[in-house]
C-alpha atoms as a PDB file:
ATOM      1  CA  VAL A   1      36.167 -14.216  44.324  1.00  0.00           C
ATOM      2  CA  GLN A   2      38.163 -11.606  45.441  1.00  0.00           C
ATOM      3  CA  LEU A   3      37.890  -7.910  44.871  1.00  0.00           C
ATOM      4  CA  VAL A   4      40.592  -5.610  44.515  1.00  0.00           C
ATOM      5  CA  ALA A   5      40.566  -1.869  44.007  1.00  0.00           C
ATOM      6  CA  GLU A   6      43.360  -0.647  41.926  1.00  0.00           C
ATOM      7  CA  GLY A   7      42.840   2.804  42.211  1.00  0.00           C
ATOM      8  CA  VAL A   8      40.258   5.330  43.399  1.00  0.00           C
ATOM      9  CA  VAL A   9      38.413   7.905  40.969  1.00  0.00           C
ATOM     10  CA  GLY A  10      37.297  11.034  42.297  1.00  0.00           C
ATOM     11  CA  ALA A  11      33.900  11.116  40.579  1.00  0.00           C
ATOM     12  CA  THR A  12      30.381   9.836  41.595  1.00  0.00           C
ATOM     13  CA  GLY A  13      28.741   9.982  38.244  1.00  0.00           C
ATOM     14  CA  LEU A  14      26.346  12.894  39.343  1.00  0.00           C
ATOM     15  CA  GLU A  15      26.221  15.970  37.093  1.00  0.00           C
ATOM     16  CA  ILE A  16      25.354  19.504  38.136  1.00  0.00           C
ATOM     17  CA  LYS A  17      23.608  21.719  35.561  1.00  0.00           C
ATOM     18  CA  SER A  18      22.153  25.095  35.775  1.00  0.00           C
ATOM     19  CA  ASP A  19      19.564  26.444  33.462  1.00  0.00           C
ATOM     20  CA  PRO A  20      18.838  30.097  33.746  1.00  0.00           C
ATOM     21  CA  GLY A  21      15.555  30.074  31.739  1.00  0.00           C
ATOM     22  CA  VAL A  22      13.599  27.716  34.170  1.00  0.00           C
ATOM     23  CA  PRO A  23      12.501  30.848  36.170  1.00  0.00           C
ATOM     24  CA  TRP A  24      11.191  32.429  33.018  1.00  0.00           C
ATOM     25  CA  VAL A  25       9.282  29.273  31.905  1.00  0.00           C
ATOM     26  CA  TYR A  26       7.853  29.139  35.622  1.00  0.00           C
ATOM     27  CA  ALA A  27       7.117  32.979  35.458  1.00  0.00           C
ATOM     28  CA  GLY A  28       4.960  32.338  32.025  1.00  0.00           C
ATOM     29  CA  PHE A  29       3.080  29.543  33.477  1.00  0.00           C
ATOM     30  CA  GLY A  30       1.989  31.639  36.497  1.00  0.00           C
ATOM     31  CA  GLY A  31       0.999  34.400  34.147  1.00  0.00           C
ATOM     32  CA  LEU A  32      -1.044  32.096  31.897  1.00  0.00           C
ATOM     33  CA  MET A  33      -2.866  30.678  35.069  1.00  0.00           C
ATOM     34  CA  ILE A  34      -3.623  34.210  36.316  1.00  0.00           C
ATOM     35  CA  THR A  35      -5.040  35.293  32.876  1.00  0.00           C
ATOM     36  CA  THR A  36      -7.014  32.002  32.699  1.00  0.00           C
ATOM     37  CA  LEU A  37      -8.797  32.969  35.995  1.00  0.00           C
ATOM     38  CA  VAL A  38      -9.246  36.585  34.794  1.00  0.00           C
ATOM     39  CA  SER A  39     -11.037  35.512  31.824  1.00  0.00           C
ATOM     40  CA  TYR A  40     -13.852  34.020  33.767  1.00  0.00           C
ATOM     41  CA  LEU A  41     -14.699  37.551  35.619  1.00  0.00           C
ATOM     42  CA  SER A  42     -17.068  39.569  33.940  1.00  0.00           C
ATOM     43  CA  HIS A  43     -16.455  42.903  32.812  1.00  0.00           C
ATOM     44  CA  SER A  44     -18.852  45.902  32.244  1.00  0.00           C
ATOM     45  CA  GLN A  45     -18.402  49.211  30.610  1.00  0.00           C
ATOM     46  CA  VAL A  46     -20.728  52.051  30.942  1.00  0.00           C
ATOM     47  CA  TRP A  47     -20.516  55.252  28.586  1.00  0.00           C
ATOM     48  CA  ALA A  48     -22.211  58.634  29.324  1.00  0.00           C
ATOM     49  CA  LEU A  49     -22.528  61.720  27.026  1.00  0.00           C
ATOM     50  CA  GLN A  50     -24.188  65.023  28.116  1.00  0.00           C
ATOM     51  CA  GLU A  51     -25.219  67.355  25.405  1.00  0.00           C
ATOM     52  CA  GLY A  52     -26.470  70.814  26.438  1.00  0.00           C
ATOM     53  CA  GLU A  53     -26.669  72.252  29.686  1.00  0.00           C
ATOM     54  CA  GLY A  54     -29.137  72.784  32.633  1.00  0.00           C
ATOM     55  CA  PRO A  55     -32.718  71.276  32.633  1.00  0.00           C
ATOM     56  CA  VAL A  56     -32.761  71.032  28.929  1.00  0.00           C
ATOM     57  CA  GLY A  57     -29.625  68.895  28.411  1.00  0.00           C
ATOM     58  CA  THR A  58     -29.644  65.578  27.250  1.00  0.00           C
ATOM     59  CA  LEU A  59     -27.822  62.754  28.787  1.00  0.00           C
ATOM     60  CA  TYR A  60     -27.092  59.612  26.805  1.00  0.00           C
ATOM     61  CA  VAL A  61     -26.392  56.484  28.739  1.00  0.00           C
ATOM     62  CA  ALA A  62     -24.790  53.120  26.997  1.00  0.00           C
ATOM     63  CA  GLY A  63     -23.236  50.127  28.415  1.00  0.00           C
ATOM     64  CA  ARG A  64     -21.506  46.714  27.358  1.00  0.00           C
ATOM     65  CA  SER A  65     -21.072  43.535  29.249  1.00  0.00           C
ATOM     66  CA  ASN A  66     -18.986  40.533  28.268  1.00  0.00           C
ATOM     67  CA  ARG A  67     -21.035  38.158  30.574  1.00  0.00           C
ATOM     68  CA  ALA A  68     -24.242  38.459  32.296  1.00  0.00           C
ATOM     69  CA  VAL A  69     -25.862  40.777  30.019  1.00  0.00           C
ATOM     70  CA  LEU A  70     -29.507  40.409  31.369  1.00  0.00           C
ATOM     71  CA  SER A  71     -28.491  41.095  34.855  1.00  0.00           C
ATOM     72  CA  PHE A  72     -26.329  43.958  33.655  1.00  0.00           C
ATOM     73  CA  ARG A  73     -29.530  45.550  31.819  1.00  0.00           C
ATOM     74  CA  ASP A  74     -31.471  45.016  35.136  1.00  0.00           C
ATOM     75  CA  GLU A  75     -28.654  46.745  37.202  1.00  0.00           C
ATOM     76  CA  MET A  76     -28.375  49.798  35.003  1.00  0.00           C
ATOM     77  CA  ASP A  77     -31.993  50.098  34.955  1.00  0.00           C
ATOM     78  CA  ALA A  78     -32.026  50.184  38.760  1.00  0.00           C
ATOM     79  CA  VAL A  79     -29.161  52.857  38.526  1.00  0.00           C
ATOM     80  CA  LEU A  80     -30.804  55.058  36.132  1.00  0.00           C
ATOM     81  CA  GLU A  81     -34.096  54.827  37.955  1.00  0.00           C
ATOM     82  CA  ALA A  82     -32.650  55.767  41.146  1.00  0.00           C
ATOM     83  CA  VAL A  83     -31.720  59.234  39.687  1.00  0.00           C
ATOM     84  CA  PRO A  84     -34.833  61.378  40.269  1.00  0.00           C
ATOM     85  CA  GLU A  85     -33.637  64.013  37.477  1.00  0.00           C
ATOM     86  CA  LEU A  86     -33.282  61.324  34.609  1.00  0.00           C
ATOM     87  CA  SER A  87     -36.171  60.395  32.235  1.00  0.00           C
ATOM     88  CA  THR A  88     -35.361  56.922  31.005  1.00  0.00           C
ATOM     89  CA  GLU A  89     -37.275  57.364  27.922  1.00  0.00           C
ATOM     90  CA  PRO A  90     -35.385  56.114  24.874  1.00  0.00           C
ATOM     91  CA  SER A  91     -34.687  58.437  22.259  1.00  0.00           C
END
């Protein structure tokens, strides 16, 4: 069996393609991973309202936590007890 090449074709069969949206897909995936990790963190909020002035004023303190509610309550109690001017009697 003899093999005869009659002509040379200047192609290899490889294709070159470019997709400009690929970096956006990777960025979206990275953002999704970051926000998933952030959702596991505990977020706490504390509000304070002062009515009146001087020794007869009233300070209202409230708080909220999305996780670890019992430890948040203990931490808030410890912080409020550390302030000697405050009476922690509920109104």
